[in-house]
Amino acid sequence: MAAAPMMGGQPTNQGYGATSAVDTPTFQGDIPGEDVAENPNAQPSQPTAPSLDQLQAVSGYEAVSFNEGSAIPPPSYAEAVTPQAAPTMNTAVPRVTEEQARAALLDHVSQNCCYGKSAAQDLVFTSIEPSSAFHYTLETFGESRSTSWAMEPYMGQPIDTAMTGPAPGPWDISAEPRTLFNSESRHVEVPHTASIKPCHNCFARGHIRCHHCHGRGRVRCNSCHGSGHKRVHRDGQQHQEHCNWCHGHGRKRCFVCHGHGQIGCPVCSRQGNVKWYIRLTIKWENHKSDHVVERTSLPGHLIAGAQGQLAFRDEQFRVAPVNNFPEPAVNQASQQLVGQHTGNYFNSERVLKQRHQVRIVPVATAHYQWKNSLSQFWVFGFENRVYAPDYPQKCCCGCTIL
């Protein structure tokens, strides 16, 4: 038979701060007229939200939105565009030989367990056509700022109030990203905006009614349903015995508040006061767009992930569209993407830097004959990756092809 739990057992660290177990509840407030049923899954209610009208106005922030995520327009800045220098072009890319194409195809086949290798070994090349694909990328690294009211328990820490000086504007606070072109966010307390207020959740008492026993300090025993006894069958007869779990009382001490009927306030951590301040959220985001120019049937996303050769790169506060690249489609893509970034980000963020580049990725279209069929595959990138959607020896119902 299981041992019954003690009514006056050792307290555990439940609620917000450890308390000693007591037999008389200490909570003073509205409580039910009868013990509530024990519910191990009972959850505390969410802390109440205060009225922001009760917070003191901060000079300079009268027209600022305090909705989280509502960006503050950036200050105006000169949009100087540095004239673009002629790119240093190196369009020489390696040609793929028949030996290299066959080796690349065999390696591709070895990575697919259901592919047969005899086709790759025996096929006859009819031609290998070299070409170049172009991968253009544009990155705009911008900064946005928003403000919101924030609070934390007041535990005697120093408070930077309005008495120490006027609060700086959201864009007057100095902050630098750790690394350019890497997204990150940071929270900063706006200087001279802090104040101490009574906790709105517990009305400065430091505690709230226990959500498990509703302030009574006891709960009705689930084992005997509050009767204090249970009927058991022994020696062919029914016997009535004291409940081992509540010692015949019909109720047990609340394991959450240890009989107090109250727990520490989660908002103020039992302190009764909270510190309010304006929190500045700074986000640095790297916006990246790209465009692939590929004249063969090779999918563009494969080009974007392949190794290539850097043909052009420029980094400025604001870059000018590429307009003198030998491939007209690259110039057109650059013109379009630079215009999109200008419209999307320069009005809502403070743009810190832009950069763009063009990579050349070698592509070889290998035409071949195997048995009586003609087909093709592609070798691309400096690592000689292969795209062969029509490889003739595929098997999805077993691996018997050699």
Protein backbone atom coordinates (compact mmCIF):
# COMPACT_ATOMS: atom_id res chain seq x y z
CA MET A 1 0.00 0.00 0.00
CA ALA A 2 1.38 3.43 -0.96
CA ALA A 3 2.36 5.73 1.87
CA ALA A 4 0.11 8.71 2.35
CA PRO A 5 1.56 12.19 1.78
CA MET A 6 2.07 14.32 4.90
CA MET A 7 -0.15 17.32 5.42
CA GLY A 8 2.80 19.28 6.74
CA GLY A 9 5.48 18.07 4.37
CA GLN A 10 8.53 20.05 3.33
CA PRO A 11 7.71 23.00 1.06
CA THR A 12 8.90 23.08 -2.51
CA ASN A 13 9.88 26.04 -4.64
CA GLN A 14 6.46 26.53 -6.19
CA GLY A 15 5.04 29.84 -7.29
CA TYR A 16 7.47 32.75 -7.24
CA GLY A 17 9.73 32.20 -4.26
CA ALA A 18 9.88 29.39 -1.68
CA THR A 19 7.54 29.58 1.33
CA SER A 20 7.09 27.50 4.47
CA ALA A 21 3.98 25.34 4.66
CA VAL A 22 1.20 26.65 6.92
CA ASP A 23 -2.14 25.34 8.12
CA THR A 24 -3.92 28.71 8.06
CA PRO A 25 -4.19 30.56 4.71
CA THR A 26 -2.70 34.05 4.70
CA PHE A 27 -4.46 35.29 1.56
CA GLN A 28 -6.99 38.03 2.16
CA GLY A 29 -9.41 38.55 -0.65
CA ASP A 30 -12.18 36.87 -2.59
CA ILE A 31 -12.16 33.08 -2.18
CA PRO A 32 -14.74 30.36 -2.96
CA GLY A 33 -17.09 29.23 -0.23
CA GLU A 34 -15.95 25.61 -0.55
CA ASP A 35 -12.72 23.83 -1.35
CA VAL A 36 -12.07 23.44 -5.05
CA ALA A 37 -11.22 20.11 -6.65
CA GLU A 38 -7.54 19.27 -6.93
CA ASN A 39 -6.35 19.92 -10.50
CA PRO A 40 -2.65 19.26 -11.14
CA ASN A 41 -3.01 20.86 -14.59
CA ALA A 42 -4.35 24.19 -13.34
CA GLN A 43 -2.48 27.09 -14.94
CA PRO A 44 -2.03 30.61 -13.59
CA SER A 45 -3.92 33.37 -15.35
CA GLN A 46 -1.98 35.71 -17.56
CA PRO A 47 -0.85 38.94 -15.87
CA THR A 48 -3.13 41.85 -16.54
CA ALA A 49 -2.00 44.54 -18.94
CA PRO A 50 -1.72 48.03 -17.50
CA SER A 51 -3.24 51.13 -19.03
CA LEU A 52 -0.49 53.03 -20.80
CA ASP A 53 -2.36 56.23 -20.02
CA GLN A 54 -1.07 55.90 -16.47
CA LEU A 55 2.54 56.12 -17.61
CA GLN A 56 4.16 59.50 -17.64
CA ALA A 57 4.64 61.24 -20.97
CA VAL A 58 8.21 61.55 -22.20
CA SER A 59 9.25 64.77 -23.89
CA GLY A 60 10.10 64.18 -27.52
CA TYR A 61 8.09 60.95 -27.73
CA GLU A 62 4.60 62.44 -27.89
CA ALA A 63 4.16 61.50 -31.57
CA VAL A 64 6.07 58.21 -31.44
CA SER A 65 4.17 54.95 -31.79
CA PHE A 66 4.77 52.45 -29.00
CA ASN A 67 3.42 49.48 -30.90
CA GLU A 68 6.05 46.74 -31.07
CA GLY A 69 7.32 46.44 -34.62
CA SER A 70 6.03 49.83 -35.77
CA ALA A 71 9.11 51.29 -37.43
CA ILE A 72 10.07 54.94 -36.92
CA PRO A 73 10.89 56.77 -40.18
CA PRO A 74 14.65 57.24 -40.52
CA PRO A 75 16.24 60.69 -40.63
CA SER A 76 16.94 62.15 -44.05
CA TYR A 77 20.39 61.64 -45.48
CA ALA A 78 22.23 62.53 -48.64
CA GLU A 79 21.82 59.87 -51.28
CA ALA A 80 25.19 60.21 -52.93
CA VAL A 81 25.81 57.72 -55.69
CA THR A 82 29.41 57.03 -56.52
CA PRO A 83 29.97 56.75 -60.26
CA GLN A 84 30.52 53.16 -61.22
CA ALA A 85 33.92 52.22 -62.48
CA ALA A 86 34.23 49.91 -65.42
CA PRO A 87 34.26 46.34 -64.08
CA THR A 88 37.40 44.31 -64.37
CA MET A 89 36.31 41.45 -66.58
CA ASN A 90 37.84 38.02 -66.70
CA THR A 91 35.47 35.95 -68.79
CA ALA A 92 37.90 33.14 -69.49
CA VAL A 93 36.34 29.98 -68.07
CA PRO A 94 37.72 26.46 -68.38
CA ARG A 95 36.42 24.18 -71.09
CA VAL A 96 35.24 20.71 -70.20
CA THR A 97 36.92 17.85 -72.07
CA GLU A 98 35.27 14.53 -72.88
CA GLU A 99 37.34 12.82 -70.18
CA GLN A 100 36.23 15.38 -67.59
CA ALA A 101 32.58 15.16 -68.67
CA ARG A 102 32.60 11.35 -68.43
CA ALA A 103 34.33 11.42 -65.02
CA ALA A 104 31.80 13.96 -63.75
CA LEU A 105 28.90 11.84 -65.01
CA LEU A 106 30.32 8.68 -63.40
CA ASP A 107 30.67 10.51 -60.11
CA HIS A 108 27.06 11.71 -60.42
CA VAL A 109 25.89 8.15 -61.12
CA SER A 110 27.78 6.80 -58.09
CA GLN A 111 25.80 9.15 -55.86
CA ASN A 112 22.50 7.63 -57.05
CA CYS A 113 22.21 4.03 -55.90
CA CYS A 114 19.61 3.10 -58.53
CA TYR A 115 21.57 4.41 -61.52
CA GLY A 116 23.43 2.02 -63.78
CA LYS A 117 26.97 3.00 -64.74
CA SER A 118 27.38 1.19 -68.03
CA ALA A 119 25.70 4.02 -69.95
CA ALA A 120 28.14 6.55 -68.54
CA GLN A 121 31.03 4.26 -69.41
CA ASP A 122 29.93 3.38 -72.96
CA LEU A 123 28.19 6.48 -74.29
CA VAL A 124 29.74 8.28 -77.26
CA PHE A 125 30.01 12.06 -77.16
CA THR A 126 28.82 13.82 -80.31
CA SER A 127 29.68 17.34 -79.11
CA ILE A 128 30.35 19.42 -76.01
CA GLU A 129 29.12 23.02 -76.22
CA PRO A 130 30.68 25.44 -73.71
CA SER A 131 28.79 28.48 -72.44
CA SER A 132 28.67 30.82 -69.46
CA ALA A 133 25.88 31.57 -67.02
CA PHE A 134 25.78 34.76 -64.92
CA HIS A 135 24.63 35.12 -61.33
CA TYR A 136 23.92 38.71 -60.25
CA THR A 137 23.26 39.49 -56.55
CA LEU A 138 22.32 42.75 -54.85
CA GLU A 139 22.42 43.27 -51.08
CA THR A 140 21.02 46.25 -49.17
CA PHE A 141 21.96 46.44 -45.49
CA GLY A 142 19.51 48.64 -43.58
CA GLU A 143 18.65 49.64 -40.04
CA SER A 144 15.16 50.14 -38.60
CA ARG A 145 14.12 51.35 -35.14
CA SER A 146 10.92 51.05 -33.11
CA THR A 147 9.94 51.84 -29.52
CA SER A 148 7.70 50.21 -26.95
CA TRP A 149 7.04 50.49 -23.23
CA ALA A 150 8.83 47.80 -21.23
CA MET A 151 8.88 46.87 -17.55
CA GLU A 152 10.87 44.79 -15.10
CA PRO A 153 10.67 44.17 -11.33
CA TYR A 154 12.06 47.02 -9.28
CA MET A 155 14.60 45.58 -6.84
CA GLY A 156 16.43 48.72 -5.86
CA GLN A 157 18.51 49.05 -9.01
CA PRO A 158 19.55 52.54 -10.18
CA ILE A 159 16.82 54.37 -12.11
CA ASP A 160 17.63 56.77 -14.94
CA THR A 161 14.69 59.15 -14.74
CA ALA A 162 13.78 62.33 -16.59
CA MET A 163 15.34 64.28 -13.71
CA THR A 164 18.80 63.42 -15.08
CA GLY A 165 18.20 64.99 -18.49
CA PRO A 166 16.02 65.01 -21.59
CA ALA A 167 15.48 61.72 -23.39
CA PRO A 168 17.36 61.39 -26.70
CA GLY A 169 15.34 60.74 -29.84
CA PRO A 170 15.11 57.20 -31.23
CA TRP A 171 17.64 57.97 -33.95
CA ASP A 172 19.95 59.96 -31.65
CA ILE A 173 21.09 56.88 -29.72
CA SER A 174 24.38 55.52 -31.00
CA ALA A 175 24.45 51.84 -31.98
CA GLU A 176 26.54 49.96 -34.49
CA PRO A 177 26.02 46.47 -35.97
CA ARG A 178 28.58 43.83 -35.15
CA THR A 179 29.13 42.98 -38.81
CA LEU A 180 27.90 44.55 -42.04
CA PHE A 181 25.49 42.51 -44.18
CA ASN A 182 24.55 40.22 -41.26
CA SER A 183 21.04 40.52 -39.79
CA GLU A 184 20.71 41.02 -36.03
CA SER A 185 18.55 42.85 -33.48
CA ARG A 186 19.21 44.61 -30.18
CA HIS A 187 17.17 46.10 -27.33
CA VAL A 188 18.31 49.35 -25.69
CA GLU A 189 16.83 51.24 -22.75
CA VAL A 190 16.25 54.83 -23.82
CA PRO A 191 18.14 57.05 -21.34
CA HIS A 192 16.16 59.27 -18.94
CA THR A 193 12.81 57.50 -19.51
CA ALA A 194 12.60 55.19 -16.47
CA SER A 195 10.13 55.52 -13.60
CA ILE A 196 8.87 53.39 -10.71
CA LYS A 197 5.20 52.49 -10.50
CA PRO A 198 3.15 50.26 -8.18
CA CYS A 199 2.66 46.82 -9.70
CA HIS A 200 -0.59 46.78 -11.66
CA ASN A 201 -0.94 42.99 -11.42
CA CYS A 202 -0.94 42.62 -7.62
CA PHE A 203 -1.82 46.22 -6.69
CA ALA A 204 1.58 46.60 -5.00
CA ARG A 205 0.93 43.73 -2.57
CA GLY A 206 3.67 41.49 -3.98
CA HIS A 207 1.40 38.44 -4.16
CA ILE A 208 -1.71 37.23 -5.96
CA ARG A 209 -4.34 34.60 -5.25
CA CYS A 210 -3.18 31.04 -5.86
CA HIS A 211 -4.59 29.70 -9.12
CA HIS A 212 -4.68 26.12 -7.80
CA CYS A 213 -6.70 26.48 -4.58
CA HIS A 214 -8.25 29.88 -5.37
CA GLY A 215 -7.01 31.30 -2.08
CA ARG A 216 -8.29 28.64 0.33
CA GLY A 217 -4.92 26.98 0.92
CA ARG A 218 -6.56 23.54 0.61
CA VAL A 219 -8.00 21.50 -2.22
CA ARG A 220 -10.54 18.68 -2.22
CA CYS A 221 -8.89 15.25 -2.27
CA ASN A 222 -9.29 13.53 -5.61
CA SER A 223 -8.74 10.07 -4.16
CA CYS A 224 -11.81 10.12 -1.89
CA HIS A 225 -13.66 12.97 -3.63
CA GLY A 226 -13.66 14.95 -0.39
CA SER A 227 -15.40 12.33 1.79
CA GLY A 228 -12.32 11.45 3.85
CA HIS A 229 -12.92 7.70 3.51
CA LYS A 230 -12.94 4.99 0.91
CA ARG A 231 -14.69 1.65 0.61
CA VAL A 232 -12.42 -1.35 0.09
CA HIS A 233 -13.20 -5.04 -0.51
CA ARG A 234 -11.35 -7.36 1.88
CA ASP A 235 -12.08 -10.89 3.10
CA GLY A 236 -15.20 -10.99 1.01
CA GLN A 237 -16.71 -7.96 2.69
CA GLN A 238 -16.90 -4.19 2.08
CA HIS A 239 -15.02 -2.03 4.60
CA GLN A 240 -14.92 1.72 5.04
CA GLU A 241 -11.47 3.11 5.80
CA HIS A 242 -9.83 6.50 6.17
CA CYS A 243 -8.37 7.85 2.94
CA ASN A 244 -4.59 7.39 3.05
CA TRP A 245 -3.97 10.45 0.86
CA CYS A 246 -5.72 13.03 3.01
CA HIS A 247 -5.69 11.17 6.41
CA GLY A 248 -9.47 11.25 6.51
CA HIS A 249 -9.73 15.03 6.20
CA GLY A 250 -11.19 15.02 2.71
CA ARG A 251 -8.83 17.77 1.64
CA LYS A 252 -5.12 18.35 1.24
CA ARG A 253 -2.77 21.27 1.56
CA CYS A 254 -2.30 23.02 -1.79
CA PHE A 255 1.06 21.98 -3.21
CA VAL A 256 1.42 25.24 -5.16
CA CYS A 257 1.10 27.78 -2.35
CA HIS A 258 1.79 25.38 0.57
CA GLY A 259 -1.38 26.44 2.34
CA HIS A 260 -0.94 30.21 2.10
CA GLY A 261 -3.61 30.65 -0.55
CA GLN A 262 -1.33 33.09 -2.40
CA ILE A 263 1.79 33.01 -4.54
CA GLY A 264 4.37 35.61 -5.45
CA CYS A 265 3.41 38.04 -8.18
CA PRO A 266 5.16 37.07 -11.45
CA VAL A 267 5.21 40.66 -12.71
CA CYS A 268 7.05 42.33 -9.83
CA SER A 269 8.70 39.18 -8.36
CA ARG A 270 7.10 39.86 -4.95
CA GLN A 271 8.56 43.38 -4.82
CA GLY A 272 5.32 45.35 -5.23
CA ASN A 273 6.87 47.89 -7.64
CA VAL A 274 7.97 47.74 -11.25
CA LYS A 275 10.34 49.79 -13.32
CA TRP A 276 8.89 51.21 -16.53
CA TYR A 277 11.03 52.55 -19.37
CA ILE A 278 10.98 53.08 -23.12
CA ARG A 279 12.71 50.24 -24.93
CA LEU A 280 14.29 50.90 -28.29
CA THR A 281 14.44 47.91 -30.65
CA ILE A 282 17.09 48.18 -33.33
CA LYS A 283 17.05 45.76 -36.24
CA TRP A 284 19.75 45.43 -38.85
CA GLU A 285 18.52 43.46 -41.84
CA ASN A 286 20.33 42.33 -44.95
CA HIS A 287 17.98 42.31 -47.94
CA LYS A 288 19.32 40.13 -50.73
CA SER A 289 18.01 39.65 -54.25
CA ASP A 290 19.54 37.80 -57.16
CA HIS A 291 19.02 37.00 -60.81
CA VAL A 292 20.45 34.22 -62.98
CA VAL A 293 21.08 34.56 -66.69
CA GLU A 294 21.31 31.11 -68.27
CA ARG A 295 20.73 30.37 -71.97
CA THR A 296 20.57 26.58 -71.77
CA SER A 297 17.91 24.35 -70.19
CA LEU A 298 19.87 24.11 -66.94
CA PRO A 299 17.66 25.31 -64.01
CA GLY A 300 18.68 28.68 -62.65
CA HIS A 301 18.72 27.61 -58.99
CA LEU A 302 21.56 25.19 -59.79
CA ILE A 303 23.63 28.05 -61.16
CA ALA A 304 23.06 30.10 -58.00
CA GLY A 305 24.51 27.31 -55.86
CA ALA A 306 27.46 26.42 -58.06
CA GLN A 307 31.03 27.65 -57.80
CA GLY A 308 31.83 30.45 -60.20
CA GLN A 309 34.31 33.17 -60.97
CA LEU A 310 33.85 36.71 -59.68
CA ALA A 311 33.68 39.08 -62.63
CA PHE A 312 32.48 42.26 -60.93
CA ARG A 313 31.97 43.54 -57.39
CA ASP A 314 31.10 46.98 -56.01
CA GLU A 315 30.28 48.16 -52.48
CA GLN A 316 29.06 51.70 -51.73
CA PHE A 317 26.60 53.57 -49.55
CA ARG A 318 24.32 53.42 -52.57
CA VAL A 319 25.34 51.52 -55.67
CA ALA A 320 24.50 52.50 -59.21
CA PRO A 321 22.98 49.90 -61.51
CA VAL A 322 25.41 47.93 -63.63
CA ASN A 323 25.21 49.37 -67.14
CA ASN A 324 28.32 48.28 -68.99
CA PHE A 325 28.47 44.54 -68.47
CA PRO A 326 28.99 42.56 -71.71
CA GLU A 327 25.80 40.56 -71.11
CA PRO A 328 22.80 42.95 -71.56
CA ALA A 329 20.51 40.75 -69.44
CA VAL A 330 22.75 41.38 -66.42
CA ASN A 331 22.50 45.15 -66.93
CA GLN A 332 18.72 44.88 -67.18
CA ALA A 333 18.46 42.74 -64.02
CA SER A 334 20.69 45.14 -62.10
CA GLN A 335 18.60 48.13 -63.18
CA GLN A 336 15.41 46.40 -62.05
CA LEU A 337 16.68 45.12 -58.68
CA VAL A 338 18.42 48.37 -57.70
CA GLY A 339 15.16 50.21 -58.40
CA GLN A 340 13.19 47.73 -56.29
CA HIS A 341 15.56 48.05 -53.33
CA THR A 342 15.45 51.83 -53.55
CA GLY A 343 11.65 51.85 -53.39
CA ASN A 344 11.37 49.14 -50.75
CA TYR A 345 14.03 50.09 -48.20
CA PHE A 346 15.37 53.65 -48.54
CA ASN A 347 12.17 55.24 -47.20
CA SER A 348 11.53 52.85 -44.30
CA GLU A 349 15.10 52.11 -43.15
CA ARG A 350 18.39 53.87 -42.78
CA VAL A 351 20.49 52.17 -45.44
CA LEU A 352 24.06 51.69 -44.25
CA LYS A 353 25.62 49.94 -47.22
CA GLN A 354 24.86 48.28 -50.53
CA ARG A 355 26.89 45.86 -52.57
CA HIS A 356 26.39 43.88 -55.75
CA GLN A 357 28.39 41.43 -57.78
CA VAL A 358 28.35 39.26 -60.88
CA ARG A 359 29.68 35.71 -60.94
CA ILE A 360 30.39 33.74 -64.09
CA VAL A 361 29.57 30.04 -63.86
CA PRO A 362 30.90 27.75 -66.63
CA VAL A 363 28.34 25.47 -68.26
CA ALA A 364 28.98 22.68 -70.77
CA THR A 365 26.18 20.94 -72.64
CA ALA A 366 27.34 17.40 -73.41
CA HIS A 367 25.50 15.74 -76.32
CA TYR A 368 25.92 11.97 -76.59
CA GLN A 369 24.63 8.77 -78.14
CA TRP A 370 24.03 5.56 -76.21
CA LYS A 371 22.80 2.52 -78.11
CA ASN A 372 20.22 3.97 -80.52
CA SER A 373 19.22 7.04 -78.51
CA LEU A 374 20.52 10.61 -78.46
CA SER A 375 20.47 12.68 -75.27
CA GLN A 376 22.38 15.29 -73.32
CA PHE A 377 23.48 16.30 -69.83
CA TRP A 378 25.08 19.39 -68.35
CA VAL A 379 28.35 19.88 -66.51
CA PHE A 380 28.45 23.17 -64.62
CA GLY A 381 30.43 25.05 -61.99
CA PHE A 382 34.12 24.84 -61.27
CA GLU A 383 33.41 21.69 -59.22
CA ASN A 384 32.00 19.98 -62.36
CA ARG A 385 28.54 19.25 -61.03
CA VAL A 386 26.17 17.30 -63.29
CA TYR A 387 22.52 17.74 -64.20
CA ALA A 388 21.25 14.70 -66.11
CA PRO A 389 17.45 14.46 -65.91
CA ASP A 390 17.29 12.11 -68.95
CA TYR A 391 19.99 9.68 -67.92
CA PRO A 392 19.01 6.41 -69.66
CA GLN A 393 19.79 3.95 -66.85
CA LYS A 394 17.52 4.76 -63.94
CA CYS A 395 15.70 2.23 -61.83
CA CYS A 396 13.15 2.98 -59.10
CA CYS A 397 11.94 -0.61 -58.50
CA GLY A 398 15.18 -2.23 -57.43
CA CYS A 399 18.91 -1.88 -57.91
CA THR A 400 19.66 -4.56 -60.48
CA ILE A 401 21.10 -2.34 -63.20
CA LEU A 402 24.90 -2.42 -63.41
